[in-house]
């Protein structure tokens, strides 16, 4: 191909628009977890402004995550029926409205209602972004693309408390105004329309709930609930056994997300070589060892190093389960990844409820139980590839 031809392709408006849409797709992976976690470091300021205590303000986390996880069970299927591009654009529009409502909310009740709307809208972006990414990516490079998407998600999750805190130095509401502007831009740009085939029948939820998908979903639930979802237990240990300040605890916990930012893309590249199931098993078994170290180690540096490496293990699991479900040949891939993501975030929601009572009785057991589940259950539930090319 001549240089002129290459330059023409690079300057082709259609090519440039596709590139911009791909960038927006990855940016959408950042925005979802960022919008969910932006309130974490500003709860006292939110409470003071709205006339409530920090514990009441903390309900804004649940207000976002609960509808997010619940609606994700069906959002992928509905979005596939309605059209991915149209659905994501509408969802971003709702996200803009909800974010502006958060910015303007005069009372806690209105703020919580706006957070519910934010979480509901996000449920209709994340799985469809993943499905669109799979449709626009050659199968041989799917792991690499999902790894990059995972890095953006980790960046959103890790940076949200910091950026929210910086905004709160002026006014905590500014963070939501920024979110509204970004969501509006992403909705205007849209998504790549690279579906390889047009379905002849409407997407059905029962196609997404097939046994293979549910088994991958259980692996995702364990991978996030029994690994990444344990940050609250580590915070308990840091306070109860080491008397660390909130700032130091927060910095140490951030190591997990930092590892995800650094390693998700290289892990995705590796998945293209070793296969999705192998990746999930490496992450689950390695993660079980690391969770055990985090629960038993008696010095802070050892806990910090283990938690950082656990962030790497979590990406082996999370990028692996996404590659497994999106690489499958079954119908309704958008609905399937939606189910898997719902189970993933369901694991994060269940972990505090299930493990806090165990921690009160035996802190060591609260780490050993999830470690055992990771190591023993994940290899049993994760489906084997149907061919050598996973």
Foldseek 3Di string as FASTA:
>chain_A
DDPVVVVCCVPPPVNVLQVVQLVLLLLLLLLLLLVLCLCVQPLCVVCVQQVHHSVLSVCLNVLQLVLLLVCLLCLLQVCQQVDLQVLLLVLLVQLLVLLVQCLVPNHSVSNSVSSNSNNNSSSNRVLSSLLLLLLVDDLLLSLLSLLSSQLSNLCNNLCSHVVCVVVVVPPSSVVSVVSSVSSNVSSVSTHDPRHPDRDPDRGDSVLLVDQQLVLLLVLLLLLCLLFVLCLVLLLVCCCPPVNDDPVVSSVLLSLLSVLSNVASNVLSNVCSPQPLLVLSLQLLLLRLVLLLQLQPPDDDVSNSVSSNVNSNSSSSSPSSSSSVLSVDDTPSSSSSSSSSVSSNSVSSVCNCVPQVVVCVVPSSVSSNVSSCCSNPVSVVRNDDDPDPSD
